[in-house]
Amino acid sequence: MIKIIAVGKMKNKALAELAQEYQKRLSKYDKLEIAEIKDSGAAREGEKILEILSCAKGKVYAMAEEGKCQSSEEFSKTLEE
């Protein structure tokens, strides 16, 4: 299963449509679940993320704008492993 934990709502309509397209593509390969967390400050958001991850199995990938950039192909290879 692929689980995406997103903080806050996507306000940019173009990005929201792009995210829906990727959701559709990913769902062909595995079950996909998206958990949205309300914007509520770093400490509270961290608690909610840990709560969701406490019952998760498998690998966890944290993504942030400040993180290391990967192309779609590179990330796809990472997921395949």
C-alpha atoms as a PDB file:
ATOM      1  CA  MET A   1       0.000   0.000   0.000  1.00  0.00           C
ATOM      2  CA  ILE A   2       1.120   3.542  -0.733  1.00  0.00           C
ATOM      3  CA  LYS A   3       0.084   6.042   1.930  1.00  0.00           C
ATOM      4  CA  ILE A   4       0.565   9.761   1.398  1.00  0.00           C
ATOM      5  CA  ILE A   5       0.342  12.067   4.399  1.00  0.00           C
ATOM      6  CA  ALA A   6      -0.263  15.657   3.332  1.00  0.00           C
ATOM      7  CA  VAL A   7      -0.248  18.672   5.618  1.00  0.00           C
ATOM      8  CA  GLY A   8      -2.850  21.272   4.695  1.00  0.00           C
ATOM      9  CA  LYS A   9      -5.056  21.582   1.648  1.00  0.00           C
ATOM     10  CA  MET A  10      -3.659  22.254  -1.793  1.00  0.00           C
ATOM     11  CA  LYS A  11      -4.829  25.736  -2.718  1.00  0.00           C
ATOM     12  CA  ASN A  12      -3.309  25.913  -6.194  1.00  0.00           C
ATOM     13  CA  LYS A  13      -5.916  24.418  -8.560  1.00  0.00           C
ATOM     14  CA  ALA A  14      -3.329  23.417 -11.191  1.00  0.00           C
ATOM     15  CA  LEU A  15      -1.248  21.550  -8.594  1.00  0.00           C
ATOM     16  CA  ALA A  16      -4.363  19.874  -7.184  1.00  0.00           C
ATOM     17  CA  GLU A  17      -5.263  18.601 -10.665  1.00  0.00           C
ATOM     18  CA  LEU A  18      -1.703  17.350 -11.159  1.00  0.00           C
ATOM     19  CA  ALA A  19      -1.835  15.545  -7.806  1.00  0.00           C
ATOM     20  CA  GLN A  20      -5.105  13.863  -8.842  1.00  0.00           C
ATOM     21  CA  GLU A  21      -3.468  12.699 -12.079  1.00  0.00           C
ATOM     22  CA  TYR A  22      -0.540  11.160 -10.171  1.00  0.00           C
ATOM     23  CA  GLN A  23      -2.990   9.578  -7.730  1.00  0.00           C
ATOM     24  CA  LYS A  24      -4.757   7.939 -10.661  1.00  0.00           C
ATOM     25  CA  ARG A  25      -1.454   6.691 -12.096  1.00  0.00           C
ATOM     26  CA  LEU A  26      -0.172   5.317  -8.781  1.00  0.00           C
ATOM     27  CA  SER A  27      -3.403   3.485  -8.011  1.00  0.00           C
ATOM     28  CA  LYS A  28      -2.722   1.162 -10.972  1.00  0.00           C
ATOM     29  CA  TYR A  29       0.288  -0.279  -9.124  1.00  0.00           C
ATOM     30  CA  ASP A  30      -0.901  -0.533  -5.550  1.00  0.00           C
ATOM     31  CA  LYS A  31      -3.631   0.544  -3.168  1.00  0.00           C
ATOM     32  CA  LEU A  32      -3.305   4.273  -2.503  1.00  0.00           C
ATOM     33  CA  GLU A  33      -4.477   6.158   0.566  1.00  0.00           C
ATOM     34  CA  ILE A  34      -4.143   9.880   1.207  1.00  0.00           C
ATOM     35  CA  ALA A  35      -4.350  11.217   4.763  1.00  0.00           C
ATOM     36  CA  GLU A  36      -4.715  14.986   5.013  1.00  0.00           C
ATOM     37  CA  ILE A  37      -3.623  16.690   8.221  1.00  0.00           C
ATOM     38  CA  LYS A  38      -4.956  20.098   9.162  1.00  0.00           C
ATOM     39  CA  ASP A  39      -2.370  22.908   9.236  1.00  0.00           C
ATOM     40  CA  SER A  40      -1.910  23.304  12.984  1.00  0.00           C
ATOM     41  CA  GLY A  41       1.710  24.094  13.788  1.00  0.00           C
ATOM     42  CA  ALA A  42       4.784  21.898  13.534  1.00  0.00           C
ATOM     43  CA  ALA A  43       4.460  20.164  16.931  1.00  0.00           C
ATOM     44  CA  ARG A  44       0.810  19.147  16.465  1.00  0.00           C
ATOM     45  CA  GLU A  45       1.390  18.158  12.835  1.00  0.00           C
ATOM     46  CA  GLY A  46       4.334  15.999  13.926  1.00  0.00           C
ATOM     47  CA  GLU A  47       2.179  14.255  16.518  1.00  0.00           C
ATOM     48  CA  LYS A  48      -0.513  13.500  13.929  1.00  0.00           C
ATOM     49  CA  ILE A  49       2.053  12.179  11.438  1.00  0.00           C
ATOM     50  CA  LEU A  50       3.593   9.888  14.067  1.00  0.00           C
ATOM     51  CA  GLU A  51       0.113   8.699  15.038  1.00  0.00           C
ATOM     52  CA  ILE A  52      -0.641   7.748  11.433  1.00  0.00           C
ATOM     53  CA  LEU A  53       2.770   6.105  10.965  1.00  0.00           C
ATOM     54  CA  SER A  54       2.506   4.085  14.192  1.00  0.00           C
ATOM     55  CA  CYS A  55       0.440   1.452  12.395  1.00  0.00           C
ATOM     56  CA  ALA A  56       2.251   1.703   9.041  1.00  0.00           C
ATOM     57  CA  LYS A  57       4.355  -1.122   7.643  1.00  0.00           C
ATOM     58  CA  GLY A  58       7.168  -0.882   5.152  1.00  0.00           C
ATOM     59  CA  LYS A  59       9.382   2.033   4.223  1.00  0.00           C
ATOM     60  CA  VAL A  60       8.683   5.689   4.890  1.00  0.00           C
ATOM     61  CA  TYR A  61       9.779   8.495   2.581  1.00  0.00           C
ATOM     62  CA  ALA A  62       9.559  12.034   3.894  1.00  0.00           C
ATOM     63  CA  MET A  63       9.192  14.706   1.239  1.00  0.00           C
ATOM     64  CA  ALA A  64       9.583  18.435   1.640  1.00  0.00           C
ATOM     65  CA  GLU A  65      10.322  21.386  -0.589  1.00  0.00           C
ATOM     66  CA  GLU A  66      13.663  21.742   1.202  1.00  0.00           C
ATOM     67  CA  GLY A  67      14.623  18.107   0.542  1.00  0.00           C
ATOM     68  CA  LYS A  68      16.798  16.397  -2.044  1.00  0.00           C
ATOM     69  CA  CYS A  69      15.385  16.656  -5.563  1.00  0.00           C
ATOM     70  CA  GLN A  70      14.801  13.478  -7.558  1.00  0.00           C
ATOM     71  CA  SER A  71      13.375  13.038 -10.997  1.00  0.00           C
ATOM     72  CA  SER A  72      10.217  10.959 -11.404  1.00  0.00           C
ATOM     73  CA  GLU A  73      12.338   8.180 -12.899  1.00  0.00           C
ATOM     74  CA  GLU A  74      14.761   8.197  -9.929  1.00  0.00           C
ATOM     75  CA  PHE A  75      11.944   8.106  -7.402  1.00  0.00           C
ATOM     76  CA  SER A  76      10.222   5.326  -9.358  1.00  0.00           C
ATOM     77  CA  LYS A  77      13.399   3.234  -9.137  1.00  0.00           C
ATOM     78  CA  THR A  78      13.597   3.911  -5.395  1.00  0.00           C
ATOM     79  CA  LEU A  79      10.019   2.652  -4.955  1.00  0.00           C
ATOM     80  CA  GLU A  80      10.686  -0.444  -7.081  1.00  0.00           C
ATOM     81  CA  GLU A  81      13.535  -1.468  -4.754  1.00  0.00           C
END
